[in-house]
């Protein structure tokens, strides 16, 4: 049985939860889902310019877990941009 997930601190609740390429109807797009954890990791690292240890402390997680969350967010965001997919932020 896997270990239960710990609650992570998320201090950002986005008002906009969908992003899509301009000029392409939603019904024709594949959707990539970003979790609020991943969005928070991107916000802390890239907008707040914090180092990974500080980001991990703010999210109440280990540095290695923060790195995995951030890597997942980068991969999904890059895939959506390069392949022209929509991004949905799930709560």
PDB file of N, CA and C in Angstrom:
ATOM      1  N   UNK A   1       0.843  -1.172   0.000  1.00  0.00           N
ATOM      2  CA  UNK A   1       0.000   0.000   0.000  1.00  0.00           C
ATOM      3  C   UNK A   1       0.893   1.242   0.000  1.00  0.00           C
ATOM      4  N   UNK A   2       0.656   2.187  -0.922  1.00  0.00           N
ATOM      5  CA  UNK A   2       1.509   3.376  -0.980  1.00  0.00           C
ATOM      6  C   UNK A   2       1.292   4.294   0.216  1.00  0.00           C
ATOM      7  N   UNK A   3       2.319   5.027   0.488  1.00  0.00           N
ATOM      8  CA  UNK A   3       2.257   5.995   1.575  1.00  0.00           C
ATOM      9  C   UNK A   3       1.283   7.124   1.224  1.00  0.00           C
ATOM     10  N   UNK A   4       0.458   7.601   2.164  1.00  0.00           N
ATOM     11  CA  UNK A   4      -0.487   8.677   1.848  1.00  0.00           C
ATOM     12  C   UNK A   4       0.249   9.985   1.547  1.00  0.00           C
ATOM     13  N   UNK A   5      -0.331  10.775   0.653  1.00  0.00           N
ATOM     14  CA  UNK A   5       0.262  12.058   0.288  1.00  0.00           C
ATOM     15  C   UNK A   5       0.118  13.051   1.428  1.00  0.00           C
ATOM     16  N   UNK A   6       1.157  13.819   1.644  1.00  0.00           N
ATOM     17  CA  UNK A   6       1.114  14.873   2.641  1.00  0.00           C
ATOM     18  C   UNK A   6       0.463  16.111   2.053  1.00  0.00           C
ATOM     19  N   UNK A   7      -0.148  16.906   2.899  1.00  0.00           N
ATOM     20  CA  UNK A   7      -0.708  18.178   2.454  1.00  0.00           C
ATOM     21  C   UNK A   7       0.429  19.153   2.202  1.00  0.00           C
ATOM     22  N   UNK A   8       0.393  19.790   1.071  1.00  0.00           N
ATOM     23  CA  UNK A   8       1.405  20.793   0.743  1.00  0.00           C
ATOM     24  C   UNK A   8       0.758  22.160   0.796  1.00  0.00           C
ATOM     25  N   UNK A   9       1.519  23.132   1.196  1.00  0.00           N
ATOM     26  CA  UNK A   9       0.985  24.479   1.324  1.00  0.00           C
ATOM     27  C   UNK A   9       0.941  25.144  -0.042  1.00  0.00           C
ATOM     28  N   UNK A  10      -0.257  25.558  -0.442  1.00  0.00           N
ATOM     29  CA  UNK A  10      -0.467  26.273  -1.697  1.00  0.00           C
ATOM     30  C   UNK A  10      -1.016  27.643  -1.325  1.00  0.00           C
ATOM     31  N   UNK A  11      -0.300  28.693  -1.669  1.00  0.00           N
ATOM     32  CA  UNK A  11      -0.725  30.052  -1.315  1.00  0.00           C
ATOM     33  C   UNK A  11      -1.223  30.834  -2.517  1.00  0.00           C
ATOM     34  N   UNK A  12      -1.500  30.146  -3.599  1.00  0.00           N
ATOM     35  CA  UNK A  12      -1.929  30.807  -4.821  1.00  0.00           C
ATOM     36  C   UNK A  12      -3.102  30.048  -5.397  1.00  0.00           C
ATOM     37  N   UNK A  13      -4.170  30.750  -5.666  1.00  0.00           N
ATOM     38  CA  UNK A  13      -5.350  30.147  -6.268  1.00  0.00           C
ATOM     39  C   UNK A  13      -5.636  30.901  -7.564  1.00  0.00           C
ATOM     40  N   UNK A  14      -5.298  30.302  -8.708  1.00  0.00           N
ATOM     41  CA  UNK A  14      -5.452  31.028  -9.973  1.00  0.00           C
ATOM     42  C   UNK A  14      -6.915  31.286 -10.320  1.00  0.00           C
ATOM     43  N   UNK A  15      -7.187  32.486 -10.820  1.00  0.00           N
ATOM     44  CA  UNK A  15      -8.540  32.833 -11.272  1.00  0.00           C
ATOM     45  C   UNK A  15      -8.811  32.241 -12.654  1.00  0.00           C
ATOM     46  N   UNK A  16      -7.772  32.139 -13.453  1.00  0.00           N
ATOM     47  CA  UNK A  16      -7.888  31.597 -14.802  1.00  0.00           C
ATOM     48  C   UNK A  16      -7.340  30.175 -14.777  1.00  0.00           C
ATOM     49  N   UNK A  17      -8.112  29.218 -15.260  1.00  0.00           N
ATOM     50  CA  UNK A  17      -7.700  27.820 -15.163  1.00  0.00           C
ATOM     51  C   UNK A  17      -7.507  27.143 -16.520  1.00  0.00           C
ATOM     52  N   UNK A  18      -7.703  27.870 -17.613  1.00  0.00           N
ATOM     53  CA  UNK A  18      -7.480  27.311 -18.947  1.00  0.00           C
ATOM     54  C   UNK A  18      -6.626  28.249 -19.780  1.00  0.00           C
ATOM     55  N   UNK A  19      -5.705  27.673 -20.514  1.00  0.00           N
ATOM     56  CA  UNK A  19      -4.921  28.402 -21.504  1.00  0.00           C
ATOM     57  C   UNK A  19      -4.922  27.543 -22.759  1.00  0.00           C
ATOM     58  N   UNK A  20      -5.074  28.189 -23.918  1.00  0.00           N
ATOM     59  CA  UNK A  20      -5.115  27.419 -25.160  1.00  0.00           C
ATOM     60  C   UNK A  20      -4.508  28.235 -26.284  1.00  0.00           C
ATOM     61  N   UNK A  21      -4.071  27.546 -27.343  1.00  0.00           N
ATOM     62  CA  UNK A  21      -3.561  28.260 -28.506  1.00  0.00           C
ATOM     63  C   UNK A  21      -4.674  29.092 -29.153  1.00  0.00           C
ATOM     64  N   UNK A  22      -4.320  30.268 -29.599  1.00  0.00           N
ATOM     65  CA  UNK A  22      -5.293  31.150 -30.231  1.00  0.00           C
ATOM     66  C   UNK A  22      -5.730  30.593 -31.572  1.00  0.00           C
ATOM     67  N   UNK A  23      -7.017  30.712 -31.861  1.00  0.00           N
ATOM     68  CA  UNK A  23      -7.540  30.330 -33.160  1.00  0.00           C
ATOM     69  C   UNK A  23      -7.855  28.856 -33.338  1.00  0.00           C
ATOM     70  N   UNK A  24      -7.699  28.068 -32.290  1.00  0.00           N
ATOM     71  CA  UNK A  24      -8.006  26.634 -32.377  1.00  0.00           C
ATOM     72  C   UNK A  24      -9.152  26.346 -31.405  1.00  0.00           C
ATOM     73  N   UNK A  25     -10.258  25.795 -31.892  1.00  0.00           N
ATOM     74  CA  UNK A  25     -11.369  25.480 -30.986  1.00  0.00           C
ATOM     75  C   UNK A  25     -10.972  24.442 -29.930  1.00  0.00           C
ATOM     76  N   UNK A  26     -11.513  24.587 -28.731  1.00  0.00           N
ATOM     77  CA  UNK A  26     -11.199  23.675 -27.625  1.00  0.00           C
ATOM     78  C   UNK A  26     -11.489  22.220 -27.986  1.00  0.00           C
ATOM     79  N   UNK A  27     -12.538  21.984 -28.736  1.00  0.00           N
ATOM     80  CA  UNK A  27     -12.908  20.601 -29.054  1.00  0.00           C
ATOM     81  C   UNK A  27     -11.851  19.897 -29.906  1.00  0.00           C
ATOM     82  N   UNK A  28     -10.974  20.667 -30.542  1.00  0.00           N
ATOM     83  CA  UNK A  28      -9.922  20.087 -31.372  1.00  0.00           C
ATOM     84  C   UNK A  28      -8.596  19.926 -30.627  1.00  0.00           C
ATOM     85  N   UNK A  29      -8.539  20.377 -29.384  1.00  0.00           N
ATOM     86  CA  UNK A  29      -7.284  20.378 -28.635  1.00  0.00           C
ATOM     87  C   UNK A  29      -7.201  19.247 -27.626  1.00  0.00           C
ATOM     88  N   UNK A  30      -6.016  18.719 -27.483  1.00  0.00           N
ATOM     89  CA  UNK A  30      -5.722  17.820 -26.378  1.00  0.00           C
ATOM     90  C   UNK A  30      -5.394  18.708 -25.172  1.00  0.00           C
ATOM     91  N   UNK A  31      -5.765  18.257 -23.984  1.00  0.00           N
ATOM     92  CA  UNK A  31      -5.577  19.064 -22.773  1.00  0.00           C
ATOM     93  C   UNK A  31      -4.496  18.451 -21.885  1.00  0.00           C
ATOM     94  N   UNK A  32      -3.586  19.290 -21.424  1.00  0.00           N
ATOM     95  CA  UNK A  32      -2.569  18.911 -20.440  1.00  0.00           C
ATOM     96  C   UNK A  32      -3.037  19.478 -19.097  1.00  0.00           C
ATOM     97  N   UNK A  33      -3.056  18.646 -18.066  1.00  0.00           N
ATOM     98  CA  UNK A  33      -3.519  19.099 -16.753  1.00  0.00           C
ATOM     99  C   UNK A  33      -2.340  19.385 -15.833  1.00  0.00           C
ATOM    100  N   UNK A  34      -2.309  20.614 -15.296  1.00  0.00           N
ATOM    101  CA  UNK A  34      -1.337  21.013 -14.285  1.00  0.00           C
ATOM    102  C   UNK A  34      -2.053  21.053 -12.945  1.00  0.00           C
ATOM    103  N   UNK A  35      -1.433  20.505 -11.915  1.00  0.00           N
ATOM    104  CA  UNK A  35      -2.031  20.581 -10.582  1.00  0.00           C
ATOM    105  C   UNK A  35      -1.705  21.933  -9.949  1.00  0.00           C
ATOM    106  N   UNK A  36      -2.450  22.296  -8.917  1.00  0.00           N
ATOM    107  CA  UNK A  36      -2.143  23.553  -8.218  1.00  0.00           C
ATOM    108  C   UNK A  36      -0.770  23.477  -7.565  1.00  0.00           C
ATOM    109  N   UNK A  37      -0.329  22.290  -7.168  1.00  0.00           N
ATOM    110  CA  UNK A  37       1.032  22.115  -6.637  1.00  0.00           C
ATOM    111  C   UNK A  37       2.071  22.523  -7.672  1.00  0.00           C
ATOM    112  N   UNK A  38       1.867  22.075  -8.899  1.00  0.00           N
ATOM    113  CA  UNK A  38       2.815  22.387  -9.966  1.00  0.00           C
ATOM    114  C   UNK A  38       2.818  23.879 -10.289  1.00  0.00           C
ATOM    115  N   UNK A  39       1.639  24.483 -10.299  1.00  0.00           N
ATOM    116  CA  UNK A  39       1.551  25.922 -10.563  1.00  0.00           C
ATOM    117  C   UNK A  39       2.219  26.706  -9.438  1.00  0.00           C
ATOM    118  N   UNK A  40       2.016  26.283  -8.206  1.00  0.00           N
ATOM    119  CA  UNK A  40       2.657  26.947  -7.064  1.00  0.00           C
ATOM    120  C   UNK A  40       4.179  26.808  -7.149  1.00  0.00           C
ATOM    121  N   UNK A  41       4.668  25.651  -7.545  1.00  0.00           N
ATOM    122  CA  UNK A  41       6.111  25.453  -7.687  1.00  0.00           C
ATOM    123  C   UNK A  41       6.675  26.387  -8.757  1.00  0.00           C
ATOM    124  N   UNK A  42       5.987  26.503  -9.884  1.00  0.00           N
ATOM    125  CA  UNK A  42       6.425  27.424 -10.936  1.00  0.00           C
ATOM    126  C   UNK A  42       6.411  28.869 -10.446  1.00  0.00           C
ATOM    127  N   UNK A  43       5.373  29.236  -9.706  1.00  0.00           N
ATOM    128  CA  UNK A  43       5.245  30.605  -9.199  1.00  0.00           C
ATOM    129  C   UNK A  43       6.383  30.939  -8.240  1.00  0.00           C
ATOM    130  N   UNK A  44       6.644  30.051  -7.292  1.00  0.00           N
ATOM    131  CA  UNK A  44       7.690  30.319  -6.304  1.00  0.00           C
ATOM    132  C   UNK A  44       9.068  30.375  -6.945  1.00  0.00           C
ATOM    133  N   UNK A  45       9.343  29.433  -7.826  1.00  0.00           N
ATOM    134  CA  UNK A  45      10.679  29.350  -8.429  1.00  0.00           C
ATOM    135  C   UNK A  45      10.924  30.463  -9.447  1.00  0.00           C
ATOM    136  N   UNK A  46       9.958  30.711 -10.328  1.00  0.00           N
ATOM    137  CA  UNK A  46      10.180  31.623 -11.447  1.00  0.00           C
ATOM    138  C   UNK A  46       9.716  33.051 -11.205  1.00  0.00           C
ATOM    139  N   UNK A  47       8.614  33.246 -10.529  1.00  0.00           N
ATOM    140  CA  UNK A  47       8.134  34.608 -10.288  1.00  0.00           C
ATOM    141  C   UNK A  47       8.706  35.219  -9.015  1.00  0.00           C
ATOM    142  N   UNK A  48       8.814  34.414  -7.976  1.00  0.00           N
ATOM    143  CA  UNK A  48       9.362  34.908  -6.704  1.00  0.00           C
ATOM    144  C   UNK A  48      10.887  34.808  -6.650  1.00  0.00           C
ATOM    145  N   UNK A  49      11.486  34.120  -7.628  1.00  0.00           N
ATOM    146  CA  UNK A  49      12.948  33.961  -7.712  1.00  0.00           C
ATOM    147  C   UNK A  49      13.569  33.384  -6.444  1.00  0.00           C
ATOM    148  N   UNK A  50      12.905  32.405  -5.852  1.00  0.00           N
ATOM    149  CA  UNK A  50      13.441  31.746  -4.666  1.00  0.00           C
ATOM    150  C   UNK A  50      14.272  30.538  -5.088  1.00  0.00           C
ATOM    151  N   UNK A  51      15.238  30.159  -4.250  1.00  0.00           N
ATOM    152  CA  UNK A  51      15.970  28.930  -4.567  1.00  0.00           C
ATOM    153  C   UNK A  51      15.121  27.736  -4.129  1.00  0.00           C
ATOM    154  N   UNK A  52      15.525  26.548  -4.567  1.00  0.00           N
ATOM    155  CA  UNK A  52      14.683  25.369  -4.348  1.00  0.00           C
ATOM    156  C   UNK A  52      14.478  25.044  -2.873  1.00  0.00           C
ATOM    157  N   UNK A  53      15.470  25.271  -2.046  1.00  0.00           N
ATOM    158  CA  UNK A  53      15.301  24.994  -0.619  1.00  0.00           C
ATOM    159  C   UNK A  53      14.247  25.901  -0.004  1.00  0.00           C
ATOM    160  N   UNK A  54      14.275  27.183  -0.357  1.00  0.00           N
ATOM    161  CA  UNK A  54      13.270  28.116   0.166  1.00  0.00           C
ATOM    162  C   UNK A  54      11.875  27.774  -0.353  1.00  0.00           C
ATOM    163  N   UNK A  55      11.804  27.414  -1.625  1.00  0.00           N
ATOM    164  CA  UNK A  55      10.515  27.015  -2.205  1.00  0.00           C
ATOM    165  C   UNK A  55       9.954  25.795  -1.487  1.00  0.00           C
ATOM    166  N   UNK A  56      10.815  24.817  -1.251  1.00  0.00           N
ATOM    167  CA  UNK A  56      10.382  23.594  -0.578  1.00  0.00           C
ATOM    168  C   UNK A  56       9.883  23.892   0.829  1.00  0.00           C
ATOM    169  N   UNK A  57      10.585  24.775   1.535  1.00  0.00           N
ATOM    170  CA  UNK A  57      10.142  25.148   2.886  1.00  0.00           C
ATOM    171  C   UNK A  57       8.787  25.831   2.848  1.00  0.00           C
ATOM    172  N   UNK A  58       8.580  26.723   1.884  1.00  0.00           N
ATOM    173  CA  UNK A  58       7.294  27.419   1.783  1.00  0.00           C
ATOM    174  C   UNK A  58       6.149  26.461   1.459  1.00  0.00           C
ATOM    175  N   UNK A  59       6.450  25.410   0.682  1.00  0.00           N
ATOM    176  CA  UNK A  59       5.420  24.430   0.339  1.00  0.00           C
ATOM    177  C   UNK A  59       5.324  23.298   1.359  1.00  0.00           C
ATOM    178  N   UNK A  60       6.176  23.344   2.390  1.00  0.00           N
ATOM    179  CA  UNK A  60       6.196  22.326   3.445  1.00  0.00           C
ATOM    180  C   UNK A  60       6.450  20.930   2.864  1.00  0.00           C
ATOM    181  N   UNK A  61       7.493  20.835   2.057  1.00  0.00           N
ATOM    182  CA  UNK A  61       7.885  19.562   1.463  1.00  0.00           C
ATOM    183  C   UNK A  61       9.405  19.493   1.420  1.00  0.00           C
ATOM    184  N   UNK A  62       9.934  18.354   1.053  1.00  0.00           N
ATOM    185  CA  UNK A  62      11.388  18.223   0.952  1.00  0.00           C
ATOM    186  C   UNK A  62      11.868  18.842  -0.360  1.00  0.00           C
ATOM    187  N   UNK A  63      13.155  19.117  -0.414  1.00  0.00           N
ATOM    188  CA  UNK A  63      13.734  19.714  -1.614  1.00  0.00           C
ATOM    189  C   UNK A  63      13.629  18.751  -2.790  1.00  0.00           C
ATOM    190  N   UNK A  64      13.826  17.472  -2.552  1.00  0.00           N
ATOM    191  CA  UNK A  64      13.752  16.501  -3.647  1.00  0.00           C
ATOM    192  C   UNK A  64      12.318  16.365  -4.182  1.00  0.00           C
ATOM    193  N   UNK A  65      11.336  16.414  -3.294  1.00  0.00           N
ATOM    194  CA  UNK A  65       9.945  16.367  -3.735  1.00  0.00           C
ATOM    195  C   UNK A  65       9.605  17.620  -4.517  1.00  0.00           C
ATOM    196  N   UNK A  66      10.070  18.769  -4.034  1.00  0.00           N
ATOM    197  CA  UNK A  66       9.840  20.016  -4.764  1.00  0.00           C
ATOM    198  C   UNK A  66      10.439  19.923  -6.170  1.00  0.00           C
ATOM    199  N   UNK A  67      11.642  19.365  -6.277  1.00  0.00           N
ATOM    200  CA  UNK A  67      12.297  19.214  -7.580  1.00  0.00           C
ATOM    201  C   UNK A  67      11.469  18.340  -8.512  1.00  0.00           C
ATOM    202  N   UNK A  68      10.891  17.267  -7.994  1.00  0.00           N
ATOM    203  CA  UNK A  68      10.049  16.396  -8.821  1.00  0.00           C
ATOM    204  C   UNK A  68       8.791  17.131  -9.289  1.00  0.00           C
ATOM    205  N   UNK A  69       8.172  17.897  -8.399  1.00  0.00           N
ATOM    206  CA  UNK A  69       6.978  18.676  -8.761  1.00  0.00           C
ATOM    207  C   UNK A  69       7.328  19.687  -9.843  1.00  0.00           C
ATOM    208  N   UNK A  70       8.430  20.388  -9.671  1.00  0.00           N
ATOM    209  CA  UNK A  70       8.868  21.401 -10.625  1.00  0.00           C
ATOM    210  C   UNK A  70       9.209  20.775 -11.978  1.00  0.00           C
ATOM    211  N   UNK A  71       9.904  19.660 -11.974  1.00  0.00           N
ATOM    212  CA  UNK A  71      10.258  18.980 -13.226  1.00  0.00           C
ATOM    213  C   UNK A  71       8.999  18.542 -13.976  1.00  0.00           C
ATOM    214  N   UNK A  72       8.012  18.051 -13.253  1.00  0.00           N
ATOM    215  CA  UNK A  72       6.751  17.646 -13.865  1.00  0.00           C
ATOM    216  C   UNK A  72       6.045  18.856 -14.490  1.00  0.00           C
ATOM    217  N   UNK A  73       6.040  19.979 -13.768  1.00  0.00           N
ATOM    218  CA  UNK A  73       5.407  21.197 -14.276  1.00  0.00           C
ATOM    219  C   UNK A  73       6.114  21.699 -15.533  1.00  0.00           C
ATOM    220  N   UNK A  74       7.445  21.693 -15.531  1.00  0.00           N
ATOM    221  CA  UNK A  74       8.202  22.122 -16.707  1.00  0.00           C
ATOM    222  C   UNK A  74       7.909  21.231 -17.910  1.00  0.00           C
ATOM    223  N   UNK A  75       7.878  19.921 -17.681  1.00  0.00           N
ATOM    224  CA  UNK A  75       7.638  18.977 -18.771  1.00  0.00           C
ATOM    225  C   UNK A  75       6.254  19.191 -19.382  1.00  0.00           C
ATOM    226  N   UNK A  76       5.243  19.312 -18.532  1.00  0.00           N
ATOM    227  CA  UNK A  76       3.873  19.497 -19.025  1.00  0.00           C
ATOM    228  C   UNK A  76       3.717  20.822 -19.759  1.00  0.00           C
ATOM    229  N   UNK A  77       4.275  21.893 -19.200  1.00  0.00           N
ATOM    230  CA  UNK A  77       4.168  23.212 -19.817  1.00  0.00           C
ATOM    231  C   UNK A  77       4.885  23.226 -21.166  1.00  0.00           C
ATOM    232  N   UNK A  78       6.069  22.655 -21.211  1.00  0.00           N
ATOM    233  CA  UNK A  78       6.825  22.595 -22.456  1.00  0.00           C
ATOM    234  C   UNK A  78       6.084  21.798 -23.510  1.00  0.00           C
ATOM    235  N   UNK A  79       5.532  20.663 -23.117  1.00  0.00           N
ATOM    236  CA  UNK A  79       4.773  19.827 -24.047  1.00  0.00           C
ATOM    237  C   UNK A  79       3.584  20.602 -24.618  1.00  0.00           C
ATOM    238  N   UNK A  80       2.873  21.332 -23.770  1.00  0.00           N
ATOM    239  CA  UNK A  80       1.718  22.100 -24.233  1.00  0.00           C
ATOM    240  C   UNK A  80       2.143  23.195 -25.211  1.00  0.00           C
ATOM    241  N   UNK A  81       3.232  23.884 -24.921  1.00  0.00           N
ATOM    242  CA  UNK A  81       3.686  24.955 -25.804  1.00  0.00           C
ATOM    243  C   UNK A  81       4.204  24.425 -27.137  1.00  0.00           C
ATOM    244  N   UNK A  82       5.007  23.392 -27.092  1.00  0.00           N
ATOM    245  CA  UNK A  82       5.623  22.862 -28.300  1.00  0.00           C
ATOM    246  C   UNK A  82       4.615  22.140 -29.185  1.00  0.00           C
ATOM    247  N   UNK A  83       3.718  21.372 -28.584  1.00  0.00           N
ATOM    248  CA  UNK A  83       2.772  20.564 -29.349  1.00  0.00           C
ATOM    249  C   UNK A  83       1.412  21.235 -29.543  1.00  0.00           C
ATOM    250  N   UNK A  84       1.253  22.468 -29.076  1.00  0.00           N
ATOM    251  CA  UNK A  84       0.014  23.210 -29.286  1.00  0.00           C
ATOM    252  C   UNK A  84      -1.182  22.626 -28.555  1.00  0.00           C
ATOM    253  N   UNK A  85      -0.981  22.266 -27.286  1.00  0.00           N
ATOM    254  CA  UNK A  85      -2.067  21.701 -26.490  1.00  0.00           C
ATOM    255  C   UNK A  85      -2.584  22.739 -25.500  1.00  0.00           C
ATOM    256  N   UNK A  86      -3.809  22.535 -25.020  1.00  0.00           N
ATOM    257  CA  UNK A  86      -4.382  23.416 -24.010  1.00  0.00           C
ATOM    258  C   UNK A  86      -3.830  23.020 -22.632  1.00  0.00           C
ATOM    259  N   UNK A  87      -3.818  23.980 -21.717  1.00  0.00           N
ATOM    260  CA  UNK A  87      -3.398  23.727 -20.340  1.00  0.00           C
ATOM    261  C   UNK A  87      -4.600  23.978 -19.437  1.00  0.00           C
ATOM    262  N   UNK A  88      -4.896  23.000 -18.600  1.00  0.00           N
ATOM    263  CA  UNK A  88      -5.976  23.129 -17.608  1.00  0.00           C
ATOM    264  C   UNK A  88      -5.343  23.000 -16.232  1.00  0.00           C
ATOM    265  N   UNK A  89      -5.638  23.960 -15.344  1.00  0.00           N
ATOM    266  CA  UNK A  89      -5.155  23.904 -13.975  1.00  0.00           C
ATOM    267  C   UNK A  89      -6.250  23.262 -13.133  1.00  0.00           C
ATOM    268  N   UNK A  90      -5.908  22.117 -12.528  1.00  0.00           N
ATOM    269  CA  UNK A  90      -6.899  21.396 -11.729  1.00  0.00           C
ATOM    270  C   UNK A  90      -6.638  21.636 -10.251  1.00  0.00           C
ATOM    271  N   UNK A  91      -7.694  21.683  -9.493  1.00  0.00           N
ATOM    272  CA  UNK A  91      -7.595  21.953  -8.055  1.00  0.00           C
ATOM    273  C   UNK A  91      -7.775  20.693  -7.271  1.00  0.00           C
TER     274      UNK A  91
END
